[in-house]
Amino acid sequence: MEATVRGRSVTIFDCRPPWQANLTEWSRVPVAQLRFDLVEERWTLYWADRNSRWHLYDDIEPGTVTELLAEIDRDPINIFWG
């Protein structure tokens, strides 16, 4: 896993080693994104579709980073880790 920060968002990636001998680069697929709302002072969770477009994950209310990371890890509807 890897994470990048850009502005008020943190994007989490699933990173995997090359799966064929002729490949040299790791694959890097966006899995989830946390976005911080300055007014509410809470984080919101988003999921990436197969085209890397972001959609609001509405199975959990906005909350803390810890709460949202726990939801990603738990992945009750298999939307983050398949």
PDB file of N, CA and C in Angstrom:
ATOM      1  N   MET A   1       0.840  -1.176   0.000  1.00  0.00           N
ATOM      2  CA  MET A   1       0.000   0.000   0.000  1.00  0.00           C
ATOM      3  C   MET A   1       0.881   1.234   0.000  1.00  0.00           C
ATOM      4  N   GLU A   2       0.312   2.281  -0.534  1.00  0.00           N
ATOM      5  CA  GLU A   2       0.977   3.568  -0.604  1.00  0.00           C
ATOM      6  C   GLU A   2      -0.084   4.640  -0.432  1.00  0.00           C
ATOM      7  N   ALA A   3       0.319   5.802   0.034  1.00  0.00           N
ATOM      8  CA  ALA A   3      -0.609   6.921   0.149  1.00  0.00           C
ATOM      9  C   ALA A   3       0.071   8.192  -0.340  1.00  0.00           C
ATOM     10  N   THR A   4      -0.707   9.046  -0.977  1.00  0.00           N
ATOM     11  CA  THR A   4      -0.208  10.355  -1.400  1.00  0.00           C
ATOM     12  C   THR A   4      -1.147  11.424  -0.853  1.00  0.00           C
ATOM     13  N   VAL A   5      -0.574  12.574  -0.581  1.00  0.00           N
ATOM     14  CA  VAL A   5      -1.348  13.700  -0.064  1.00  0.00           C
ATOM     15  C   VAL A   5      -1.328  14.806  -1.105  1.00  0.00           C
ATOM     16  N   ARG A   6      -2.506  15.348  -1.372  1.00  0.00           N
ATOM     17  CA  ARG A   6      -2.617  16.480  -2.296  1.00  0.00           C
ATOM     18  C   ARG A   6      -3.691  17.410  -1.747  1.00  0.00           C
ATOM     19  N   GLY A   7      -3.265  18.572  -1.312  1.00  0.00           N
ATOM     20  CA  GLY A   7      -4.216  19.505  -0.711  1.00  0.00           C
ATOM     21  C   GLY A   7      -4.837  18.907   0.527  1.00  0.00           C
ATOM     22  N   ARG A   8      -6.182  18.822   0.532  1.00  0.00           N
ATOM     23  CA  ARG A   8      -6.899  18.259   1.683  1.00  0.00           C
ATOM     24  C   ARG A   8      -7.376  16.839   1.439  1.00  0.00           C
ATOM     25  N   SER A   9      -6.694  16.118   0.530  1.00  0.00           N
ATOM     26  CA  SER A   9      -7.095  14.734   0.271  1.00  0.00           C
ATOM     27  C   SER A   9      -5.900  13.790   0.382  1.00  0.00           C
ATOM     28  N   VAL A  10      -6.206  12.586   0.822  1.00  0.00           N
ATOM     29  CA  VAL A  10      -5.209  11.512   0.935  1.00  0.00           C
ATOM     30  C   VAL A  10      -5.717  10.357   0.090  1.00  0.00           C
ATOM     31  N   THR A  11      -4.917   9.933  -0.872  1.00  0.00           N
ATOM     32  CA  THR A  11      -5.298   8.824  -1.745  1.00  0.00           C
ATOM     33  C   THR A  11      -4.493   7.590  -1.367  1.00  0.00           C
ATOM     34  N   ILE A  12      -5.189   6.483  -1.210  1.00  0.00           N
ATOM     35  CA  ILE A  12      -4.572   5.207  -0.835  1.00  0.00           C
ATOM     36  C   ILE A  12      -4.536   4.318  -2.070  1.00  0.00           C
ATOM     37  N   PHE A  13      -3.364   3.731  -2.326  1.00  0.00           N
ATOM     38  CA  PHE A  13      -3.147   2.873  -3.493  1.00  0.00           C
ATOM     39  C   PHE A  13      -2.794   1.453  -3.064  1.00  0.00           C
ATOM     40  N   ASP A  14      -3.251   0.487  -3.846  1.00  0.00           N
ATOM     41  CA  ASP A  14      -2.821  -0.903  -3.722  1.00  0.00           C
ATOM     42  C   ASP A  14      -1.657  -1.074  -4.698  1.00  0.00           C
ATOM     43  N   CYS A  15      -0.492  -1.441  -4.192  1.00  0.00           N
ATOM     44  CA  CYS A  15       0.703  -1.595  -5.024  1.00  0.00           C
ATOM     45  C   CYS A  15       1.118  -3.063  -5.049  1.00  0.00           C
ATOM     46  N   ARG A  16       1.403  -3.549  -6.245  1.00  0.00           N
ATOM     47  CA  ARG A  16       1.777  -4.963  -6.402  1.00  0.00           C
ATOM     48  C   ARG A  16       2.998  -5.087  -7.292  1.00  0.00           C
ATOM     49  N   PRO A  17       3.834  -6.091  -7.020  1.00  0.00           N
ATOM     50  CA  PRO A  17       5.042  -6.281  -7.834  1.00  0.00           C
ATOM     51  C   PRO A  17       4.684  -6.753  -9.238  1.00  0.00           C
ATOM     52  N   PRO A  18       5.617  -6.640 -10.167  1.00  0.00           N
ATOM     53  CA  PRO A  18       5.357  -7.118 -11.532  1.00  0.00           C
ATOM     54  C   PRO A  18       4.938  -8.587 -11.517  1.00  0.00           C
ATOM     55  N   TRP A  19       3.952  -8.908 -12.316  1.00  0.00           N
ATOM     56  CA  TRP A  19       3.441 -10.274 -12.325  1.00  0.00           C
ATOM     57  C   TRP A  19       3.915 -11.074 -13.531  1.00  0.00           C
ATOM     58  N   GLN A  20       4.671 -10.444 -14.420  1.00  0.00           N
ATOM     59  CA  GLN A  20       5.265 -11.141 -15.558  1.00  0.00           C
ATOM     60  C   GLN A  20       6.753 -10.809 -15.601  1.00  0.00           C
ATOM     61  N   ALA A  21       7.542 -11.730 -16.103  1.00  0.00           N
ATOM     62  CA  ALA A  21       8.999 -11.549 -16.138  1.00  0.00           C
ATOM     63  C   ALA A  21       9.425 -10.346 -16.967  1.00  0.00           C
ATOM     64  N   ASN A  22       8.665 -10.009 -18.005  1.00  0.00           N
ATOM     65  CA  ASN A  22       9.055  -8.889 -18.865  1.00  0.00           C
ATOM     66  C   ASN A  22       8.632  -7.522 -18.315  1.00  0.00           C
ATOM     67  N   LEU A  23       7.914  -7.489 -17.210  1.00  0.00           N
ATOM     68  CA  LEU A  23       7.507  -6.235 -16.577  1.00  0.00           C
ATOM     69  C   LEU A  23       8.504  -5.843 -15.491  1.00  0.00           C
ATOM     70  N   THR A  24       8.749  -4.553 -15.371  1.00  0.00           N
ATOM     71  CA  THR A  24       9.706  -4.102 -14.349  1.00  0.00           C
ATOM     72  C   THR A  24       9.073  -3.183 -13.318  1.00  0.00           C
ATOM     73  N   GLU A  25       7.935  -2.572 -13.650  1.00  0.00           N
ATOM     74  CA  GLU A  25       7.320  -1.623 -12.738  1.00  0.00           C
ATOM     75  C   GLU A  25       6.176  -2.260 -11.953  1.00  0.00           C
ATOM     76  N   TRP A  26       6.037  -1.809 -10.717  1.00  0.00           N
ATOM     77  CA  TRP A  26       4.929  -2.250  -9.883  1.00  0.00           C
ATOM     78  C   TRP A  26       3.634  -1.621 -10.390  1.00  0.00           C
ATOM     79  N   SER A  27       2.522  -2.327 -10.209  1.00  0.00           N
ATOM     80  CA  SER A  27       1.220  -1.736 -10.524  1.00  0.00           C
ATOM     81  C   SER A  27       0.773  -0.907  -9.312  1.00  0.00           C
ATOM     82  N   ARG A  28       0.023   0.138  -9.601  1.00  0.00           N
ATOM     83  CA  ARG A  28      -0.406   1.068  -8.547  1.00  0.00           C
ATOM     84  C   ARG A  28      -1.845   1.458  -8.872  1.00  0.00           C
ATOM     85  N   VAL A  29      -2.786   0.927  -8.088  1.00  0.00           N
ATOM     86  CA  VAL A  29      -4.209   1.121  -8.350  1.00  0.00           C
ATOM     87  C   VAL A  29      -4.836   1.906  -7.197  1.00  0.00           C
ATOM     88  N   PRO A  30      -5.543   3.010  -7.494  1.00  0.00           N
ATOM     89  CA  PRO A  30      -6.206   3.755  -6.416  1.00  0.00           C
ATOM     90  C   PRO A  30      -7.335   2.935  -5.804  1.00  0.00           C
ATOM     91  N   VAL A  31      -7.388   2.948  -4.482  1.00  0.00           N
ATOM     92  CA  VAL A  31      -8.373   2.149  -3.751  1.00  0.00           C
ATOM     93  C   VAL A  31      -9.380   3.029  -3.023  1.00  0.00           C
ATOM     94  N   ALA A  32      -8.879   4.036  -2.325  1.00  0.00           N
ATOM     95  CA  ALA A  32      -9.753   4.886  -1.510  1.00  0.00           C
ATOM     96  C   ALA A  32      -9.154   6.283  -1.419  1.00  0.00           C
ATOM     97  N   GLN A  33     -10.031   7.226  -1.097  1.00  0.00           N
ATOM     98  CA  GLN A  33      -9.553   8.592  -0.906  1.00  0.00           C
ATOM     99  C   GLN A  33     -10.296   9.194   0.285  1.00  0.00           C
ATOM    100  N   LEU A  34      -9.540   9.861   1.133  1.00  0.00           N
ATOM    101  CA  LEU A  34     -10.105  10.590   2.263  1.00  0.00           C
ATOM    102  C   LEU A  34     -10.019  12.071   1.930  1.00  0.00           C
ATOM    103  N   ARG A  35     -11.116  12.801   2.119  1.00  0.00           N
ATOM    104  CA  ARG A  35     -11.130  14.235   1.848  1.00  0.00           C
ATOM    105  C   ARG A  35     -11.552  14.976   3.114  1.00  0.00           C
ATOM    106  N   PHE A  36     -10.789  16.021   3.437  1.00  0.00           N
ATOM    107  CA  PHE A  36     -11.055  16.779   4.655  1.00  0.00           C
ATOM    108  C   PHE A  36     -11.931  17.987   4.347  1.00  0.00           C
ATOM    109  N   ASP A  37     -13.001  18.142   5.131  1.00  0.00           N
ATOM    110  CA  ASP A  37     -13.907  19.278   5.010  1.00  0.00           C
ATOM    111  C   ASP A  37     -13.528  20.289   6.088  1.00  0.00           C
ATOM    112  N   LEU A  38     -13.052  21.459   5.661  1.00  0.00           N
ATOM    113  CA  LEU A  38     -12.607  22.484   6.609  1.00  0.00           C
ATOM    114  C   LEU A  38     -13.742  23.009   7.486  1.00  0.00           C
ATOM    115  N   VAL A  39     -14.935  23.129   6.927  1.00  0.00           N
ATOM    116  CA  VAL A  39     -16.064  23.658   7.685  1.00  0.00           C
ATOM    117  C   VAL A  39     -16.513  22.669   8.757  1.00  0.00           C
ATOM    118  N   GLU A  40     -16.714  21.431   8.351  1.00  0.00           N
ATOM    119  CA  GLU A  40     -17.182  20.387   9.275  1.00  0.00           C
ATOM    120  C   GLU A  40     -16.060  19.820  10.147  1.00  0.00           C
ATOM    121  N   GLU A  41     -14.829  20.007   9.701  1.00  0.00           N
ATOM    122  CA  GLU A  41     -13.650  19.447  10.380  1.00  0.00           C
ATOM    123  C   GLU A  41     -13.758  17.935  10.539  1.00  0.00           C
ATOM    124  N   ARG A  42     -14.162  17.294   9.449  1.00  0.00           N
ATOM    125  CA  ARG A  42     -14.298  15.834   9.409  1.00  0.00           C
ATOM    126  C   ARG A  42     -13.826  15.341   8.055  1.00  0.00           C
ATOM    127  N   TRP A  43     -13.527  14.059   7.999  1.00  0.00           N
ATOM    128  CA  TRP A  43     -13.071  13.411   6.762  1.00  0.00           C
ATOM    129  C   TRP A  43     -14.221  12.654   6.132  1.00  0.00           C
ATOM    130  N   THR A  44     -14.229  12.617   4.790  1.00  0.00           N
ATOM    131  CA  THR A  44     -15.222  11.872   4.023  1.00  0.00           C
ATOM    132  C   THR A  44     -14.486  10.824   3.189  1.00  0.00           C
ATOM    133  N   LEU A  45     -15.120   9.677   3.021  1.00  0.00           N
ATOM    134  CA  LEU A  45     -14.506   8.552   2.325  1.00  0.00           C
ATOM    135  C   LEU A  45     -15.075   8.399   0.915  1.00  0.00           C
ATOM    136  N   TYR A  46     -14.168   8.156  -0.042  1.00  0.00           N
ATOM    137  CA  TYR A  46     -14.535   7.919  -1.434  1.00  0.00           C
ATOM    138  C   TYR A  46     -13.905   6.614  -1.913  1.00  0.00           C
ATOM    139  N   TRP A  47     -14.523   5.992  -2.917  1.00  0.00           N
ATOM    140  CA  TRP A  47     -13.978   4.773  -3.528  1.00  0.00           C
ATOM    141  C   TRP A  47     -13.768   5.029  -5.015  1.00  0.00           C
ATOM    142  N   ALA A  48     -12.831   4.288  -5.600  1.00  0.00           N
ATOM    143  CA  ALA A  48     -12.502   4.446  -7.018  1.00  0.00           C
ATOM    144  C   ALA A  48     -13.133   3.331  -7.838  1.00  0.00           C
ATOM    145  N   ASP A  49     -13.750   3.708  -8.963  1.00  0.00           N
ATOM    146  CA  ASP A  49     -14.293   2.686  -9.855  1.00  0.00           C
ATOM    147  C   ASP A  49     -13.185   2.176 -10.781  1.00  0.00           C
ATOM    148  N   ARG A  50     -13.516   1.308 -11.693  1.00  0.00           N
ATOM    149  CA  ARG A  50     -12.494   0.689 -12.552  1.00  0.00           C
ATOM    150  C   ARG A  50     -11.803   1.694 -13.465  1.00  0.00           C
ATOM    151  N   ASN A  51     -12.412   2.880 -13.640  1.00  0.00           N
ATOM    152  CA  ASN A  51     -11.814   3.938 -14.453  1.00  0.00           C
ATOM    153  C   ASN A  51     -11.113   4.994 -13.603  1.00  0.00           C
ATOM    154  N   SER A  52     -10.896   4.655 -12.337  1.00  0.00           N
ATOM    155  CA  SER A  52     -10.251   5.548 -11.363  1.00  0.00           C
ATOM    156  C   SER A  52     -11.050   6.831 -11.132  1.00  0.00           C
ATOM    157  N   ARG A  53     -12.359   6.764 -11.278  1.00  0.00           N
ATOM    158  CA  ARG A  53     -13.226   7.898 -10.937  1.00  0.00           C
ATOM    159  C   ARG A  53     -13.692   7.726  -9.497  1.00  0.00           C
ATOM    160  N   TRP A  54     -13.778   8.835  -8.778  1.00  0.00           N
ATOM    161  CA  TRP A  54     -14.120   8.793  -7.357  1.00  0.00           C
ATOM    162  C   TRP A  54     -15.615   8.938  -7.129  1.00  0.00           C
ATOM    163  N   HIS A  55     -16.120   8.133  -6.165  1.00  0.00           N
ATOM    164  CA  HIS A  55     -17.529   8.160  -5.781  1.00  0.00           C
ATOM    165  C   HIS A  55     -17.618   8.177  -4.261  1.00  0.00           C
ATOM    166  N   LEU A  56     -18.584   8.933  -3.745  1.00  0.00           N
ATOM    167  CA  LEU A  56     -18.789   8.993  -2.310  1.00  0.00           C
ATOM    168  C   LEU A  56     -19.177   7.617  -1.781  1.00  0.00           C
ATOM    169  N   TYR A  57     -18.496   7.202  -0.737  1.00  0.00           N
ATOM    170  CA  TYR A  57     -18.839   5.945  -0.052  1.00  0.00           C
ATOM    171  C   TYR A  57     -19.821   6.336   1.039  1.00  0.00           C
ATOM    172  N   ASP A  58     -21.094   6.027   0.840  1.00  0.00           N
ATOM    173  CA  ASP A  58     -22.111   6.526   1.767  1.00  0.00           C
ATOM    174  C   ASP A  58     -22.584   5.496   2.793  1.00  0.00           C
ATOM    175  N   ASP A  59     -21.815   4.440   2.994  1.00  0.00           N
ATOM    176  CA  ASP A  59     -22.159   3.454   4.015  1.00  0.00           C
ATOM    177  C   ASP A  59     -21.613   3.832   5.393  1.00  0.00           C
ATOM    178  N   ILE A  60     -20.925   4.966   5.477  1.00  0.00           N
ATOM    179  CA  ILE A  60     -20.416   5.454   6.752  1.00  0.00           C
ATOM    180  C   ILE A  60     -20.457   6.977   6.713  1.00  0.00           C
ATOM    181  N   GLU A  61     -20.796   7.563   7.838  1.00  0.00           N
ATOM    182  CA  GLU A  61     -20.831   9.020   7.944  1.00  0.00           C
ATOM    183  C   GLU A  61     -19.408   9.575   7.941  1.00  0.00           C
ATOM    184  N   PRO A  62     -19.240  10.833   7.557  1.00  0.00           N
ATOM    185  CA  PRO A  62     -17.917  11.447   7.693  1.00  0.00           C
ATOM    186  C   PRO A  62     -17.437  11.314   9.133  1.00  0.00           C
ATOM    187  N   GLY A  63     -16.115  11.186   9.295  1.00  0.00           N
ATOM    188  CA  GLY A  63     -15.593  10.976  10.634  1.00  0.00           C
ATOM    189  C   GLY A  63     -14.111  11.251  10.708  1.00  0.00           C
ATOM    190  N   THR A  64     -13.465  10.533  11.604  1.00  0.00           N
ATOM    191  CA  THR A  64     -12.026  10.692  11.798  1.00  0.00           C
ATOM    192  C   THR A  64     -11.272   9.789  10.824  1.00  0.00           C
ATOM    193  N   VAL A  65     -10.004  10.076  10.663  1.00  0.00           N
ATOM    194  CA  VAL A  65      -9.164   9.234   9.812  1.00  0.00           C
ATOM    195  C   VAL A  65      -9.168   7.802  10.337  1.00  0.00           C
ATOM    196  N   THR A  66      -9.060   7.644  11.634  1.00  0.00           N
ATOM    197  CA  THR A  66      -9.034   6.308  12.241  1.00  0.00           C
ATOM    198  C   THR A  66     -10.304   5.523  11.911  1.00  0.00           C
ATOM    199  N   GLU A  67     -11.460   6.174  12.024  1.00  0.00           N
ATOM    200  CA  GLU A  67     -12.731   5.505  11.722  1.00  0.00           C
ATOM    201  C   GLU A  67     -12.812   5.097  10.254  1.00  0.00           C
ATOM    202  N   LEU A  68     -12.398   5.985   9.368  1.00  0.00           N
ATOM    203  CA  LEU A  68     -12.504   5.694   7.942  1.00  0.00           C
ATOM    204  C   LEU A  68     -11.490   4.646   7.498  1.00  0.00           C
ATOM    205  N   LEU A  69     -10.288   4.679   8.060  1.00  0.00           N
ATOM    206  CA  LEU A  69      -9.303   3.630   7.738  1.00  0.00           C
ATOM    207  C   LEU A  69      -9.786   2.266   8.220  1.00  0.00           C
ATOM    208  N   ALA A  70     -10.452   2.235   9.359  1.00  0.00           N
ATOM    209  CA  ALA A  70     -11.012   0.974   9.863  1.00  0.00           C
ATOM    210  C   ALA A  70     -12.080   0.448   8.911  1.00  0.00           C
ATOM    211  N   GLU A  71     -12.894   1.352   8.339  1.00  0.00           N
ATOM    212  CA  GLU A  71     -13.927   0.940   7.383  1.00  0.00           C
ATOM    213  C   GLU A  71     -13.293   0.391   6.101  1.00  0.00           C
ATOM    214  N   ILE A  72     -12.219   1.037   5.630  1.00  0.00           N
ATOM    215  CA  ILE A  72     -11.511   0.545   4.444  1.00  0.00           C
ATOM    216  C   ILE A  72     -10.951  -0.845   4.719  1.00  0.00           C
ATOM    217  N   ASP A  73     -10.352  -1.019   5.871  1.00  0.00           N
ATOM    218  CA  ASP A  73      -9.773  -2.312   6.246  1.00  0.00           C
ATOM    219  C   ASP A  73     -10.848  -3.382   6.377  1.00  0.00           C
ATOM    220  N   ARG A  74     -11.955  -3.026   6.981  1.00  0.00           N
ATOM    221  CA  ARG A  74     -13.066  -3.966   7.172  1.00  0.00           C
ATOM    222  C   ARG A  74     -13.734  -4.298   5.839  1.00  0.00           C
ATOM    223  N   ASP A  75     -13.908  -3.303   4.991  1.00  0.00           N
ATOM    224  CA  ASP A  75     -14.474  -3.444   3.650  1.00  0.00           C
ATOM    225  C   ASP A  75     -15.700  -4.371   3.605  1.00  0.00           C
ATOM    226  N   PRO A  76     -16.772  -3.991   4.311  1.00  0.00           N
ATOM    227  CA  PRO A  76     -17.922  -4.893   4.425  1.00  0.00           C
ATOM    228  C   PRO A  76     -18.654  -5.199   3.122  1.00  0.00           C
ATOM    229  N   ILE A  77     -18.521  -4.348   2.106  1.00  0.00           N
ATOM    230  CA  ILE A  77     -19.202  -4.621   0.830  1.00  0.00           C
ATOM    231  C   ILE A  77     -18.209  -4.900  -0.303  1.00  0.00           C
ATOM    232  N   ASN A  78     -16.976  -5.164   0.057  1.00  0.00           N
ATOM    233  CA  ASN A  78     -15.930  -5.527  -0.910  1.00  0.00           C
ATOM    234  C   ASN A  78     -15.736  -4.502  -2.023  1.00  0.00           C
ATOM    235  N   ILE A  79     -15.794  -3.241  -1.677  1.00  0.00           N
ATOM    236  CA  ILE A  79     -15.650  -2.198  -2.681  1.00  0.00           C
ATOM    237  C   ILE A  79     -14.212  -1.691  -2.775  1.00  0.00           C
ATOM    238  N   PHE A  80     -13.436  -1.864  -1.717  1.00  0.00           N
ATOM    239  CA  PHE A  80     -12.058  -1.375  -1.717  1.00  0.00           C
ATOM    240  C   PHE A  80     -11.060  -2.453  -2.140  1.00  0.00           C
ATOM    241  N   TRP A  81     -11.176  -3.620  -1.592  1.00  0.00           N
ATOM    242  CA  TRP A  81     -10.188  -4.688  -1.864  1.00  0.00           C
ATOM    243  C   TRP A  81     -10.738  -5.805  -2.735  1.00  0.00           C
ATOM    244  N   GLY A  82     -12.000  -5.660  -3.195  1.00  0.00           N
ATOM    245  CA  GLY A  82     -12.562  -6.643  -4.111  1.00  0.00           C
ATOM    246  C   GLY A  82     -12.986  -7.855  -3.423  1.00  0.00           C
TER     247      GLY A  82
END
